[in-house]
């Protein structure tokens, strides 16, 4: 099961940080929050930042933090 793209993007520092990492514009990453991270970028990010894809803590704190953003 894939993680919510909001959690991954937030773990990587937010929309602006991910846009900088991928050398794309912020609105593109904002779209990923709604429609999912495109497969080529998902593969790149999983290799470059494996910790961003670790399972969500069972306490749910991370999910509630992502929902607040």
C-alpha atoms as a PDB file:
ATOM      1  CA  UNK A   1       0.000   0.000   0.000  1.00  0.00           C
ATOM      2  CA  UNK A   2       1.331   3.421  -0.951  1.00  0.00           C
ATOM      3  CA  UNK A   3       1.538   6.201   1.584  1.00  0.00           C
ATOM      4  CA  UNK A   4      -0.653   9.255   1.253  1.00  0.00           C
ATOM      5  CA  UNK A   5       1.258  11.674  -1.018  1.00  0.00           C
ATOM      6  CA  UNK A   6       0.686  14.432   1.555  1.00  0.00           C
ATOM      7  CA  UNK A   7       2.668  12.485   4.146  1.00  0.00           C
ATOM      8  CA  UNK A   8       5.561  11.856   1.755  1.00  0.00           C
ATOM      9  CA  UNK A   9       5.660  15.481   0.582  1.00  0.00           C
ATOM     10  CA  UNK A  10       5.518  16.769   4.158  1.00  0.00           C
ATOM     11  CA  UNK A  11       8.287  14.380   5.243  1.00  0.00           C
ATOM     12  CA  UNK A  12      10.452  15.771   2.449  1.00  0.00           C
ATOM     13  CA  UNK A  13       9.978  19.339   3.682  1.00  0.00           C
ATOM     14  CA  UNK A  14       6.776  20.428   1.983  1.00  0.00           C
ATOM     15  CA  UNK A  15       5.649  21.497  -1.445  1.00  0.00           C
ATOM     16  CA  UNK A  16       8.442  24.006  -2.081  1.00  0.00           C
ATOM     17  CA  UNK A  17      11.181  21.641  -0.955  1.00  0.00           C
ATOM     18  CA  UNK A  18       9.937  18.814  -3.171  1.00  0.00           C
ATOM     19  CA  UNK A  19       9.602  21.212  -6.101  1.00  0.00           C
ATOM     20  CA  UNK A  20      13.239  22.236  -5.579  1.00  0.00           C
ATOM     21  CA  UNK A  21      14.379  18.595  -5.310  1.00  0.00           C
ATOM     22  CA  UNK A  22      12.617  17.738  -8.573  1.00  0.00           C
ATOM     23  CA  UNK A  23      13.464  21.055 -10.285  1.00  0.00           C
ATOM     24  CA  UNK A  24       9.806  21.739 -11.054  1.00  0.00           C
ATOM     25  CA  UNK A  25       7.325  24.431 -10.043  1.00  0.00           C
ATOM     26  CA  UNK A  26       5.350  24.392  -6.784  1.00  0.00           C
ATOM     27  CA  UNK A  27       1.907  24.045  -8.454  1.00  0.00           C
ATOM     28  CA  UNK A  28       2.984  20.719  -9.954  1.00  0.00           C
ATOM     29  CA  UNK A  29       3.750  19.317  -6.505  1.00  0.00           C
ATOM     30  CA  UNK A  30       0.497  20.778  -5.172  1.00  0.00           C
ATOM     31  CA  UNK A  31      -1.275  18.711  -7.810  1.00  0.00           C
ATOM     32  CA  UNK A  32       0.499  15.613  -6.544  1.00  0.00           C
ATOM     33  CA  UNK A  33      -1.157  16.156  -3.177  1.00  0.00           C
ATOM     34  CA  UNK A  34      -4.567  15.735  -4.840  1.00  0.00           C
ATOM     35  CA  UNK A  35      -3.819  13.289  -7.650  1.00  0.00           C
ATOM     36  CA  UNK A  36      -0.831  11.306  -6.382  1.00  0.00           C
ATOM     37  CA  UNK A  37       2.869  11.443  -7.158  1.00  0.00           C
ATOM     38  CA  UNK A  38       3.576  10.440 -10.788  1.00  0.00           C
ATOM     39  CA  UNK A  39       5.253   7.025 -11.046  1.00  0.00           C
ATOM     40  CA  UNK A  40       8.617   8.246 -12.425  1.00  0.00           C
ATOM     41  CA  UNK A  41       8.940  10.812  -9.620  1.00  0.00           C
ATOM     42  CA  UNK A  42       7.732   8.280  -7.070  1.00  0.00           C
ATOM     43  CA  UNK A  43      10.483   5.861  -8.119  1.00  0.00           C
ATOM     44  CA  UNK A  44      13.110   8.608  -7.927  1.00  0.00           C
ATOM     45  CA  UNK A  45      11.971   9.819  -4.521  1.00  0.00           C
ATOM     46  CA  UNK A  46      11.849   6.265  -3.105  1.00  0.00           C
ATOM     47  CA  UNK A  47      15.471   5.686  -4.130  1.00  0.00           C
ATOM     48  CA  UNK A  48      16.742   9.121  -3.113  1.00  0.00           C
ATOM     49  CA  UNK A  49      14.765   9.436   0.151  1.00  0.00           C
ATOM     50  CA  UNK A  50      13.747   5.985   1.424  1.00  0.00           C
ATOM     51  CA  UNK A  51      13.028   7.295   4.943  1.00  0.00           C
ATOM     52  CA  UNK A  52      10.169   9.399   3.568  1.00  0.00           C
ATOM     53  CA  UNK A  53       8.386   6.160   2.686  1.00  0.00           C
ATOM     54  CA  UNK A  54       8.647   4.404   6.052  1.00  0.00           C
ATOM     55  CA  UNK A  55       5.338   3.168   7.478  1.00  0.00           C
ATOM     56  CA  UNK A  56       3.201   5.667   9.330  1.00  0.00           C
ATOM     57  CA  UNK A  57       3.430   5.523  13.123  1.00  0.00           C
ATOM     58  CA  UNK A  58       0.503   3.638  14.621  1.00  0.00           C
ATOM     59  CA  UNK A  59      -0.356   6.533  16.953  1.00  0.00           C
ATOM     60  CA  UNK A  60      -1.813   8.476  14.023  1.00  0.00           C
ATOM     61  CA  UNK A  61       0.005  11.691  14.960  1.00  0.00           C
ATOM     62  CA  UNK A  62       1.647  11.966  11.569  1.00  0.00           C
ATOM     63  CA  UNK A  63      -1.655  11.480   9.758  1.00  0.00           C
ATOM     64  CA  UNK A  64      -3.365  14.190  11.795  1.00  0.00           C
ATOM     65  CA  UNK A  65      -0.422  16.548  11.227  1.00  0.00           C
ATOM     66  CA  UNK A  66      -0.628  15.978   7.460  1.00  0.00           C
ATOM     67  CA  UNK A  67      -4.382  16.550   7.496  1.00  0.00           C
ATOM     68  CA  UNK A  68      -3.901  19.912   9.207  1.00  0.00           C
ATOM     69  CA  UNK A  69      -1.683  21.234   6.399  1.00  0.00           C
END
